[in-house]
Amino acid sequence: MLIQYGQALSNYIYDIFVAKFDFWLAFGLAAQLAFAARFLVQWIASERAGKSVVPLAFWFFSIGGGVMTLIYGLVKREPVIIFGQLLSNIIYIRNVMLIFKSRQKESQTLSG
């Protein structure tokens, strides 16, 4: 029985990652890697600062990976991915806008 489960798992993995491999699967995997890289960026920045920080690069990886994942969802017609990434990207873009707005105010305060 255990051997059957192992074979079924092996066939499942083969079917997903080998038999069905195409450009969009590679694109989707790249999108997930870009999106996941944001956590690595935040972790490294936080370790260097000795406290939790969210660097601007975190938001660019969020937007880049999110947009790529949204495109993947649109092409594959996956409503859960489309809905989730559409809303998430709106929030990511708004956060970047607020960061730039805050930095402009700080630079005006320092120079003025």
C-alpha atoms as a PDB file:
ATOM      1  CA  MET A   1       0.000   0.000   0.000  1.00  0.00           C
ATOM      2  CA  LEU A   2       2.809   2.422   0.856  1.00  0.00           C
ATOM      3  CA  ILE A   3       4.449   1.668  -2.491  1.00  0.00           C
ATOM      4  CA  GLN A   4       1.194   2.506  -4.281  1.00  0.00           C
ATOM      5  CA  TYR A   5       1.005   5.873  -2.521  1.00  0.00           C
ATOM      6  CA  GLY A   6       4.620   6.565  -3.439  1.00  0.00           C
ATOM      7  CA  GLN A   7       3.961   5.721  -7.076  1.00  0.00           C
ATOM      8  CA  ALA A   8       0.791   7.827  -7.119  1.00  0.00           C
ATOM      9  CA  LEU A   9       2.714  10.782  -5.664  1.00  0.00           C
ATOM     10  CA  SER A  10       5.493  10.297  -8.188  1.00  0.00           C
ATOM     11  CA  ASN A  11       2.985  10.206 -11.065  1.00  0.00           C
ATOM     12  CA  TYR A  12       1.252  13.311  -9.709  1.00  0.00           C
ATOM     13  CA  ILE A  13       4.506  15.286  -9.481  1.00  0.00           C
ATOM     14  CA  TYR A  14       5.587  14.091 -12.929  1.00  0.00           C
ATOM     15  CA  ASP A  15       2.233  15.097 -14.421  1.00  0.00           C
ATOM     16  CA  ILE A  16       2.374  18.598 -12.955  1.00  0.00           C
ATOM     17  CA  PHE A  17       6.037  19.515 -13.385  1.00  0.00           C
ATOM     18  CA  VAL A  18       7.115  17.494 -16.439  1.00  0.00           C
ATOM     19  CA  ALA A  19       4.191  16.401 -18.604  1.00  0.00           C
ATOM     20  CA  LYS A  20       2.369  19.726 -18.325  1.00  0.00           C
ATOM     21  CA  PHE A  21       5.468  21.934 -18.374  1.00  0.00           C
ATOM     22  CA  ASP A  22       5.039  24.929 -20.652  1.00  0.00           C
ATOM     23  CA  PHE A  23       5.912  28.622 -20.800  1.00  0.00           C
ATOM     24  CA  TRP A  24       3.094  29.595 -18.436  1.00  0.00           C
ATOM     25  CA  LEU A  25       4.143  27.095 -15.793  1.00  0.00           C
ATOM     26  CA  ALA A  26       7.683  28.514 -15.941  1.00  0.00           C
ATOM     27  CA  PHE A  27       6.232  32.059 -15.821  1.00  0.00           C
ATOM     28  CA  GLY A  28       4.051  31.187 -12.829  1.00  0.00           C
ATOM     29  CA  LEU A  29       6.977  29.644 -10.972  1.00  0.00           C
ATOM     30  CA  ALA A  30       9.115  32.723 -11.708  1.00  0.00           C
ATOM     31  CA  ALA A  31       6.276  34.911 -10.427  1.00  0.00           C
ATOM     32  CA  GLN A  32       6.120  32.971  -7.174  1.00  0.00           C
ATOM     33  CA  LEU A  33       9.910  33.167  -6.775  1.00  0.00           C
ATOM     34  CA  ALA A  34       9.847  36.946  -7.314  1.00  0.00           C
ATOM     35  CA  PHE A  35       7.006  37.289  -4.828  1.00  0.00           C
ATOM     36  CA  ALA A  36       8.777  35.097  -2.263  1.00  0.00           C
ATOM     37  CA  ALA A  37      12.031  37.068  -2.685  1.00  0.00           C
ATOM     38  CA  ARG A  38      10.390  39.968  -0.866  1.00  0.00           C
ATOM     39  CA  PHE A  39      10.567  38.007   2.387  1.00  0.00           C
ATOM     40  CA  LEU A  40      14.251  37.285   1.863  1.00  0.00           C
ATOM     41  CA  VAL A  41      14.880  40.995   1.212  1.00  0.00           C
ATOM     42  CA  GLN A  42      13.007  41.964   4.379  1.00  0.00           C
ATOM     43  CA  TRP A  43      14.776  39.340   6.453  1.00  0.00           C
ATOM     44  CA  ILE A  44      18.247  40.486   5.321  1.00  0.00           C
ATOM     45  CA  ALA A  45      17.385  44.168   5.862  1.00  0.00           C
ATOM     46  CA  SER A  46      15.956  43.439   9.312  1.00  0.00           C
ATOM     47  CA  GLU A  47      18.994  41.394  10.344  1.00  0.00           C
ATOM     48  CA  ARG A  48      21.321  44.200   9.239  1.00  0.00           C
ATOM     49  CA  ALA A  49      19.278  46.821  11.102  1.00  0.00           C
ATOM     50  CA  GLY A  50      18.814  44.661  14.180  1.00  0.00           C
ATOM     51  CA  LYS A  51      15.063  45.342  14.087  1.00  0.00           C
ATOM     52  CA  SER A  52      12.124  44.648  11.822  1.00  0.00           C
ATOM     53  CA  VAL A  53      12.195  46.891   8.762  1.00  0.00           C
ATOM     54  CA  VAL A  54      10.354  46.887   5.448  1.00  0.00           C
ATOM     55  CA  PRO A  55      12.710  48.208   2.750  1.00  0.00           C
ATOM     56  CA  LEU A  56      11.395  49.750  -0.457  1.00  0.00           C
ATOM     57  CA  ALA A  57      12.699  46.738  -2.412  1.00  0.00           C
ATOM     58  CA  PHE A  58      10.155  44.625  -0.489  1.00  0.00           C
ATOM     59  CA  TRP A  59       7.328  46.562  -2.123  1.00  0.00           C
ATOM     60  CA  PHE A  60       8.857  46.337  -5.597  1.00  0.00           C
ATOM     61  CA  PHE A  61       9.169  42.553  -5.260  1.00  0.00           C
ATOM     62  CA  SER A  62       5.582  42.509  -3.973  1.00  0.00           C
ATOM     63  CA  ILE A  63       4.318  44.480  -6.958  1.00  0.00           C
ATOM     64  CA  GLY A  64       6.479  42.665  -9.526  1.00  0.00           C
ATOM     65  CA  GLY A  65       5.662  39.194  -8.253  1.00  0.00           C
ATOM     66  CA  GLY A  66       2.030  40.158  -7.707  1.00  0.00           C
ATOM     67  CA  VAL A  67       1.584  41.510 -11.224  1.00  0.00           C
ATOM     68  CA  MET A  68       3.272  38.436 -12.698  1.00  0.00           C
ATOM     69  CA  THR A  69       1.024  36.173 -10.621  1.00  0.00           C
ATOM     70  CA  LEU A  70      -2.019  38.208 -11.704  1.00  0.00           C
ATOM     71  CA  ILE A  71      -1.026  37.763 -15.363  1.00  0.00           C
ATOM     72  CA  TYR A  72      -0.615  34.032 -14.763  1.00  0.00           C
ATOM     73  CA  GLY A  73      -4.072  33.884 -13.153  1.00  0.00           C
ATOM     74  CA  LEU A  74      -5.627  35.784 -16.052  1.00  0.00           C
ATOM     75  CA  VAL A  75      -4.048  33.494 -18.648  1.00  0.00           C
ATOM     76  CA  LYS A  76      -4.966  30.347 -16.744  1.00  0.00           C
ATOM     77  CA  ARG A  77      -8.449  31.755 -15.907  1.00  0.00           C
ATOM     78  CA  GLU A  78      -8.051  31.171 -12.174  1.00  0.00           C
ATOM     79  CA  PRO A  79     -10.587  33.415 -10.381  1.00  0.00           C
ATOM     80  CA  VAL A  80      -9.068  32.873  -6.919  1.00  0.00           C
ATOM     81  CA  ILE A  81      -5.629  34.063  -8.110  1.00  0.00           C
ATOM     82  CA  ILE A  82      -7.131  36.953 -10.111  1.00  0.00           C
ATOM     83  CA  PHE A  83      -9.223  38.230  -7.209  1.00  0.00           C
ATOM     84  CA  GLY A  84      -6.456  37.850  -4.618  1.00  0.00           C
ATOM     85  CA  GLN A  85      -3.685  39.405  -6.682  1.00  0.00           C
ATOM     86  CA  LEU A  86      -5.801  42.245  -8.031  1.00  0.00           C
ATOM     87  CA  LEU A  87      -6.674  43.414  -4.527  1.00  0.00           C
ATOM     88  CA  SER A  88      -3.161  42.796  -3.203  1.00  0.00           C
ATOM     89  CA  ASN A  89      -1.525  44.796  -5.991  1.00  0.00           C
ATOM     90  CA  ILE A  90      -3.799  47.765  -5.346  1.00  0.00           C
ATOM     91  CA  ILE A  91      -2.658  47.730  -1.709  1.00  0.00           C
ATOM     92  CA  TYR A  92       1.039  47.320  -2.633  1.00  0.00           C
ATOM     93  CA  ILE A  93       0.913  50.215  -5.096  1.00  0.00           C
ATOM     94  CA  ARG A  94      -0.879  52.425  -2.573  1.00  0.00           C
ATOM     95  CA  ASN A  95       1.750  51.615   0.060  1.00  0.00           C
ATOM     96  CA  VAL A  96       4.560  52.611  -2.312  1.00  0.00           C
ATOM     97  CA  MET A  97       2.697  55.857  -3.099  1.00  0.00           C
ATOM     98  CA  LEU A  98       2.428  56.595   0.642  1.00  0.00           C
ATOM     99  CA  ILE A  99       6.130  55.837   1.152  1.00  0.00           C
ATOM    100  CA  PHE A 100       7.133  58.251  -1.625  1.00  0.00           C
ATOM    101  CA  LYS A 101       4.726  60.889  -0.305  1.00  0.00           C
ATOM    102  CA  SER A 102       6.190  60.531   3.192  1.00  0.00           C
ATOM    103  CA  ARG A 103       9.756  60.753   1.894  1.00  0.00           C
ATOM    104  CA  GLN A 104       8.920  63.903  -0.086  1.00  0.00           C
ATOM    105  CA  LYS A 105       7.498  65.531   3.031  1.00  0.00           C
ATOM    106  CA  GLU A 106      10.602  64.556   5.013  1.00  0.00           C
ATOM    107  CA  SER A 107      12.959  65.976   2.383  1.00  0.00           C
ATOM    108  CA  GLN A 108      10.942  69.205   2.203  1.00  0.00           C
ATOM    109  CA  THR A 109      11.047  69.506   5.996  1.00  0.00           C
ATOM    110  CA  LEU A 110      14.811  68.990   6.050  1.00  0.00           C
ATOM    111  CA  SER A 111      15.522  71.398   3.203  1.00  0.00           C
ATOM    112  CA  GLY A 112      12.952  74.025   4.116  1.00  0.00           C
END
